[in-house]
């Protein structure tokens, strides 16, 4: 997987998360669930960015694995916000699809690096 694609998508995704958070908090006056989405959704790219300058392959796997956990948590908050009518289905679908793209990039990246350590 081209790391620049992962880097780009992991930066553009949290921009949409921040915009969604701003919308939910200002329009719907919901702060707790949307804040959780903000925290997990922005953490993905931060961990991927940290992985660029790690000191070892194990550290790289660790940072990417944390990013993968954050992607999974973000999907949870997206589902909860959708099912409680805080975000519209179109917004949910867009964010969820991008989130799934990140999963599809992170899993093989992690697996490839793990196989190199064996």
N, C-alpha and C. Protein backbone atom coordinates (compact mmCIF):
# COMPACT_ATOMS: atom_id res chain seq x y z
N UNK A 1 0.85 -1.18 0.00
CA UNK A 1 0.00 0.00 0.00
C UNK A 1 0.89 1.24 0.00
N UNK A 2 0.59 2.13 -0.88
CA UNK A 2 1.34 3.39 -0.97
C UNK A 2 1.07 4.21 0.29
N UNK A 3 2.12 4.48 1.06
CA UNK A 3 1.97 5.21 2.31
C UNK A 3 1.44 6.61 2.10
N UNK A 4 1.71 7.20 0.94
CA UNK A 4 1.22 8.56 0.71
C UNK A 4 -0.30 8.58 0.58
N UNK A 5 -0.88 7.53 0.05
CA UNK A 5 -2.35 7.45 -0.03
C UNK A 5 -2.92 7.33 1.38
N UNK A 6 -2.33 6.48 2.18
CA UNK A 6 -2.78 6.34 3.57
C UNK A 6 -2.60 7.65 4.32
N UNK A 7 -1.48 8.30 4.11
CA UNK A 7 -1.22 9.58 4.77
C UNK A 7 -2.27 10.62 4.36
N UNK A 8 -2.55 10.69 3.07
CA UNK A 8 -3.53 11.66 2.56
C UNK A 8 -4.93 11.38 3.10
N UNK A 9 -5.35 10.14 3.02
CA UNK A 9 -6.70 9.79 3.48
C UNK A 9 -6.84 9.93 5.00
N UNK A 10 -5.76 9.63 5.71
CA UNK A 10 -5.84 9.73 7.17
C UNK A 10 -5.78 11.19 7.64
N UNK A 11 -5.49 12.11 6.72
CA UNK A 11 -5.57 13.53 7.03
C UNK A 11 -6.91 14.12 6.58
N UNK A 12 -7.38 13.70 5.42
CA UNK A 12 -8.64 14.25 4.92
C UNK A 12 -9.85 13.74 5.72
N UNK A 13 -9.76 12.51 6.22
CA UNK A 13 -10.87 11.96 7.01
C UNK A 13 -11.14 12.78 8.27
N UNK A 14 -10.12 13.07 9.10
CA UNK A 14 -10.44 13.84 10.30
C UNK A 14 -10.92 15.26 10.03
N UNK A 15 -10.60 15.80 8.88
CA UNK A 15 -11.16 17.11 8.53
C UNK A 15 -12.68 17.01 8.46
N UNK A 16 -13.17 15.95 7.84
CA UNK A 16 -14.62 15.72 7.78
C UNK A 16 -15.19 15.44 9.17
N UNK A 17 -14.44 14.72 9.98
CA UNK A 17 -14.88 14.45 11.36
C UNK A 17 -15.01 15.75 12.14
N UNK A 18 -14.04 16.64 12.02
CA UNK A 18 -14.09 17.93 12.72
C UNK A 18 -15.30 18.73 12.25
N UNK A 19 -15.54 18.76 10.95
CA UNK A 19 -16.70 19.49 10.43
C UNK A 19 -18.00 18.88 10.93
N UNK A 20 -18.05 17.57 11.01
CA UNK A 20 -19.24 16.89 11.53
C UNK A 20 -19.43 17.23 13.01
N UNK A 21 -18.35 17.20 13.76
CA UNK A 21 -18.41 17.56 15.18
C UNK A 21 -18.94 18.98 15.35
N UNK A 22 -18.41 19.91 14.58
CA UNK A 22 -18.85 21.31 14.67
C UNK A 22 -20.33 21.43 14.37
N UNK A 23 -20.79 20.70 13.38
CA UNK A 23 -22.20 20.74 13.00
C UNK A 23 -23.10 20.17 14.10
N UNK A 24 -22.71 19.02 14.61
CA UNK A 24 -23.52 18.37 15.66
C UNK A 24 -23.55 19.23 16.92
N UNK A 25 -22.41 19.75 17.30
CA UNK A 25 -22.38 20.53 18.55
C UNK A 25 -23.09 21.86 18.41
N UNK A 26 -23.05 22.47 17.23
CA UNK A 26 -23.73 23.76 17.10
C UNK A 26 -25.21 23.60 16.74
N UNK A 27 -25.54 22.70 15.85
CA UNK A 27 -26.94 22.55 15.41
C UNK A 27 -27.78 21.71 16.36
N UNK A 28 -27.22 20.65 16.85
CA UNK A 28 -27.99 19.70 17.68
C UNK A 28 -27.71 19.85 19.16
N UNK A 29 -26.71 20.65 19.49
CA UNK A 29 -26.31 20.87 20.89
C UNK A 29 -25.98 19.56 21.60
N UNK A 30 -25.34 18.67 20.86
CA UNK A 30 -24.91 17.39 21.43
C UNK A 30 -23.40 17.44 21.53
N UNK A 31 -22.87 17.19 22.74
CA UNK A 31 -21.44 17.36 22.95
C UNK A 31 -20.72 16.08 23.37
N UNK A 32 -21.39 15.19 24.04
CA UNK A 32 -20.71 14.01 24.59
C UNK A 32 -20.34 13.01 23.50
N UNK A 33 -21.31 12.55 22.75
CA UNK A 33 -21.04 11.55 21.70
C UNK A 33 -20.19 12.15 20.58
N UNK A 34 -20.50 13.37 20.21
CA UNK A 34 -19.74 13.99 19.12
C UNK A 34 -18.29 14.24 19.53
N UNK A 35 -18.06 14.52 20.79
CA UNK A 35 -16.69 14.70 21.27
C UNK A 35 -15.91 13.39 21.18
N UNK A 36 -16.58 12.29 21.48
CA UNK A 36 -15.93 10.98 21.37
C UNK A 36 -15.55 10.71 19.91
N UNK A 37 -16.44 11.05 18.99
CA UNK A 37 -16.14 10.90 17.56
C UNK A 37 -14.95 11.77 17.20
N UNK A 38 -14.93 12.99 17.68
CA UNK A 38 -13.82 13.91 17.40
C UNK A 38 -12.49 13.33 17.89
N UNK A 39 -12.48 12.80 19.10
CA UNK A 39 -11.24 12.27 19.67
C UNK A 39 -10.73 11.06 18.90
N UNK A 40 -11.59 10.09 18.64
CA UNK A 40 -11.13 8.89 17.95
C UNK A 40 -10.85 9.17 16.48
N UNK A 41 -11.68 9.99 15.85
CA UNK A 41 -11.52 10.27 14.42
C UNK A 41 -10.27 11.06 14.08
N UNK A 42 -9.84 11.92 14.99
CA UNK A 42 -8.63 12.69 14.74
C UNK A 42 -7.38 11.94 15.19
N UNK A 43 -7.53 10.99 16.06
CA UNK A 43 -6.40 10.21 16.55
C UNK A 43 -5.84 9.27 15.47
N UNK A 44 -6.67 8.87 14.54
CA UNK A 44 -6.24 7.94 13.48
C UNK A 44 -5.03 8.51 12.74
N UNK A 45 -5.21 9.66 12.18
CA UNK A 45 -4.14 10.29 11.40
C UNK A 45 -2.94 10.64 12.24
N UNK A 46 -3.17 11.02 13.48
CA UNK A 46 -2.05 11.36 14.36
C UNK A 46 -1.17 10.14 14.60
N UNK A 47 -1.76 8.99 14.80
CA UNK A 47 -0.98 7.77 15.01
C UNK A 47 -0.27 7.32 13.73
N UNK A 48 -0.92 7.48 12.60
CA UNK A 48 -0.28 7.15 11.33
C UNK A 48 0.90 8.07 11.09
N UNK A 49 0.73 9.33 11.41
CA UNK A 49 1.81 10.30 11.25
C UNK A 49 2.97 9.96 12.19
N UNK A 50 2.65 9.57 13.42
CA UNK A 50 3.70 9.18 14.36
C UNK A 50 4.49 7.98 13.84
N UNK A 51 3.82 7.08 13.16
CA UNK A 51 4.46 5.86 12.65
C UNK A 51 5.52 6.16 11.60
N UNK A 52 5.48 7.34 11.02
CA UNK A 52 6.46 7.69 9.99
C UNK A 52 7.88 7.80 10.54
N UNK A 53 8.02 8.13 11.81
CA UNK A 53 9.34 8.34 12.38
C UNK A 53 9.58 7.50 13.62
N UNK A 54 9.14 6.26 13.56
CA UNK A 54 9.33 5.36 14.68
C UNK A 54 10.77 4.87 14.73
N UNK A 55 11.11 4.26 15.84
CA UNK A 55 12.49 3.80 16.04
C UNK A 55 12.68 2.33 15.66
N UNK A 56 11.57 1.60 15.49
CA UNK A 56 11.70 0.19 15.16
C UNK A 56 10.47 -0.30 14.42
N UNK A 57 10.58 -1.46 13.83
CA UNK A 57 9.44 -2.07 13.14
C UNK A 57 8.32 -2.39 14.12
N UNK A 58 8.68 -2.83 15.31
CA UNK A 58 7.66 -3.13 16.33
C UNK A 58 6.91 -1.86 16.72
N UNK A 59 7.61 -0.77 16.82
CA UNK A 59 6.97 0.51 17.15
C UNK A 59 6.03 0.93 16.01
N UNK A 60 6.46 0.70 14.77
CA UNK A 60 5.61 0.99 13.62
C UNK A 60 4.31 0.20 13.69
N UNK A 61 4.43 -1.09 13.94
CA UNK A 61 3.25 -1.95 14.06
C UNK A 61 2.35 -1.46 15.19
N UNK A 62 2.95 -1.09 16.29
CA UNK A 62 2.18 -0.60 17.43
C UNK A 62 1.39 0.66 17.07
N UNK A 63 2.04 1.63 16.45
CA UNK A 63 1.35 2.88 16.09
C UNK A 63 0.23 2.62 15.08
N UNK A 64 0.51 1.78 14.10
CA UNK A 64 -0.51 1.46 13.10
C UNK A 64 -1.66 0.67 13.72
N UNK A 65 -1.34 -0.18 14.67
CA UNK A 65 -2.38 -0.95 15.37
C UNK A 65 -3.26 -0.04 16.22
N UNK A 66 -2.67 0.94 16.84
CA UNK A 66 -3.45 1.93 17.59
C UNK A 66 -4.37 2.69 16.63
N UNK A 67 -3.84 3.08 15.48
CA UNK A 67 -4.67 3.76 14.48
C UNK A 67 -5.84 2.88 14.06
N UNK A 68 -5.59 1.58 13.89
CA UNK A 68 -6.66 0.65 13.51
C UNK A 68 -7.72 0.55 14.61
N UNK A 69 -7.29 0.52 15.87
CA UNK A 69 -8.25 0.52 16.98
C UNK A 69 -9.10 1.79 16.97
N UNK A 70 -8.46 2.91 16.67
CA UNK A 70 -9.18 4.18 16.63
C UNK A 70 -10.19 4.21 15.48
N UNK A 71 -9.84 3.60 14.36
CA UNK A 71 -10.77 3.50 13.23
C UNK A 71 -12.00 2.71 13.66
N UNK A 72 -11.77 1.60 14.36
CA UNK A 72 -12.87 0.78 14.83
C UNK A 72 -13.75 1.54 15.82
N UNK A 73 -13.12 2.26 16.73
CA UNK A 73 -13.88 3.06 17.69
C UNK A 73 -14.67 4.16 16.99
N UNK A 74 -14.08 4.76 15.99
CA UNK A 74 -14.76 5.82 15.23
C UNK A 74 -16.01 5.27 14.56
N UNK A 75 -15.92 4.07 14.02
CA UNK A 75 -17.10 3.44 13.39
C UNK A 75 -18.21 3.26 14.42
N UNK A 76 -17.85 2.90 15.63
CA UNK A 76 -18.84 2.75 16.69
C UNK A 76 -19.57 4.07 16.96
N UNK A 77 -18.81 5.16 17.11
CA UNK A 77 -19.42 6.45 17.39
C UNK A 77 -20.27 6.92 16.22
N UNK A 78 -19.80 6.66 15.01
CA UNK A 78 -20.61 7.02 13.83
C UNK A 78 -21.94 6.29 13.83
N UNK A 79 -21.91 5.00 14.09
CA UNK A 79 -23.15 4.22 14.14
C UNK A 79 -24.08 4.74 15.23
N UNK A 80 -23.52 5.02 16.39
CA UNK A 80 -24.34 5.52 17.50
C UNK A 80 -24.96 6.87 17.17
N UNK A 81 -24.18 7.76 16.58
CA UNK A 81 -24.71 9.07 16.20
C UNK A 81 -25.78 8.96 15.12
N UNK A 82 -25.60 8.04 14.20
CA UNK A 82 -26.62 7.82 13.16
C UNK A 82 -27.89 7.25 13.77
N UNK A 83 -27.73 6.24 14.60
CA UNK A 83 -28.91 5.56 15.16
C UNK A 83 -29.65 6.38 16.20
N UNK A 84 -29.04 7.46 16.67
CA UNK A 84 -29.72 8.37 17.60
C UNK A 84 -30.11 9.68 16.90
N UNK A 85 -30.03 9.66 15.59
CA UNK A 85 -30.47 10.77 14.74
C UNK A 85 -29.69 12.07 14.94
N UNK A 86 -28.42 11.96 15.29
CA UNK A 86 -27.59 13.15 15.38
C UNK A 86 -26.88 13.47 14.07
N UNK A 87 -26.68 12.45 13.23
CA UNK A 87 -26.13 12.72 11.90
C UNK A 87 -27.04 12.11 10.85
N UNK A 88 -27.11 12.79 9.73
CA UNK A 88 -27.93 12.33 8.61
C UNK A 88 -27.28 11.11 7.96
N UNK A 89 -28.10 10.31 7.33
CA UNK A 89 -27.63 9.08 6.71
C UNK A 89 -26.57 9.35 5.64
N UNK A 90 -26.72 10.41 4.87
CA UNK A 90 -25.73 10.71 3.83
C UNK A 90 -24.36 11.03 4.44
N UNK A 91 -24.37 11.81 5.51
CA UNK A 91 -23.12 12.13 6.20
C UNK A 91 -22.52 10.87 6.81
N UNK A 92 -23.37 10.06 7.43
CA UNK A 92 -22.90 8.80 8.00
C UNK A 92 -22.27 7.92 6.92
N UNK A 93 -22.97 7.75 5.81
CA UNK A 93 -22.47 6.88 4.74
C UNK A 93 -21.12 7.36 4.22
N UNK A 94 -20.99 8.65 4.04
CA UNK A 94 -19.73 9.21 3.56
C UNK A 94 -18.59 8.94 4.54
N UNK A 95 -18.82 9.25 5.80
CA UNK A 95 -17.78 9.04 6.82
C UNK A 95 -17.49 7.55 7.02
N UNK A 96 -18.53 6.75 7.05
CA UNK A 96 -18.34 5.31 7.26
C UNK A 96 -17.56 4.68 6.10
N UNK A 97 -17.86 5.09 4.89
CA UNK A 97 -17.12 4.56 3.73
C UNK A 97 -15.64 4.94 3.79
N UNK A 98 -15.36 6.17 4.15
CA UNK A 98 -13.96 6.59 4.29
C UNK A 98 -13.27 5.85 5.42
N UNK A 99 -14.00 5.64 6.49
CA UNK A 99 -13.47 4.90 7.63
C UNK A 99 -13.11 3.47 7.21
N UNK A 100 -13.99 2.85 6.44
CA UNK A 100 -13.73 1.49 5.95
C UNK A 100 -12.54 1.45 5.00
N UNK A 101 -12.35 2.49 4.23
CA UNK A 101 -11.17 2.57 3.36
C UNK A 101 -9.89 2.57 4.19
N UNK A 102 -9.93 3.29 5.31
CA UNK A 102 -8.76 3.31 6.18
C UNK A 102 -8.47 1.91 6.74
N UNK A 103 -9.51 1.20 7.11
CA UNK A 103 -9.34 -0.18 7.59
C UNK A 103 -8.68 -1.02 6.50
N UNK A 104 -9.18 -0.89 5.28
CA UNK A 104 -8.65 -1.68 4.16
C UNK A 104 -7.19 -1.35 3.86
N UNK A 105 -6.73 -0.20 4.25
CA UNK A 105 -5.33 0.16 4.06
C UNK A 105 -4.48 -0.23 5.26
N UNK A 106 -5.03 -0.07 6.45
CA UNK A 106 -4.24 -0.34 7.66
C UNK A 106 -3.99 -1.83 7.88
N UNK A 107 -5.00 -2.65 7.68
CA UNK A 107 -4.85 -4.09 7.95
C UNK A 107 -3.71 -4.70 7.13
N UNK A 108 -3.68 -4.51 5.80
CA UNK A 108 -2.56 -5.10 5.06
C UNK A 108 -1.20 -4.47 5.41
N UNK A 109 -1.21 -3.19 5.74
CA UNK A 109 0.05 -2.54 6.14
C UNK A 109 0.61 -3.20 7.39
N UNK A 110 -0.25 -3.41 8.37
CA UNK A 110 0.17 -4.05 9.62
C UNK A 110 0.60 -5.49 9.36
N UNK A 111 -0.22 -6.22 8.60
CA UNK A 111 0.09 -7.63 8.33
C UNK A 111 1.40 -7.80 7.56
N UNK A 112 1.64 -6.92 6.61
CA UNK A 112 2.89 -6.99 5.84
C UNK A 112 4.09 -6.77 6.75
N UNK A 113 3.99 -5.79 7.62
CA UNK A 113 5.11 -5.51 8.51
C UNK A 113 5.30 -6.66 9.51
N UNK A 114 4.21 -7.23 9.99
CA UNK A 114 4.32 -8.37 10.92
C UNK A 114 4.99 -9.55 10.22
N UNK A 115 4.64 -9.79 8.97
CA UNK A 115 5.24 -10.93 8.26
C UNK A 115 6.74 -10.71 8.02
N UNK A 116 7.16 -9.47 7.90
CA UNK A 116 8.59 -9.17 7.72
C UNK A 116 9.39 -9.43 9.00
N UNK A 117 8.71 -9.38 10.13
CA UNK A 117 9.39 -9.60 11.42
C UNK A 117 9.59 -11.08 11.71
N UNK A 118 8.87 -11.93 11.02
CA UNK A 118 8.95 -13.38 11.30
C UNK A 118 10.18 -13.99 10.71
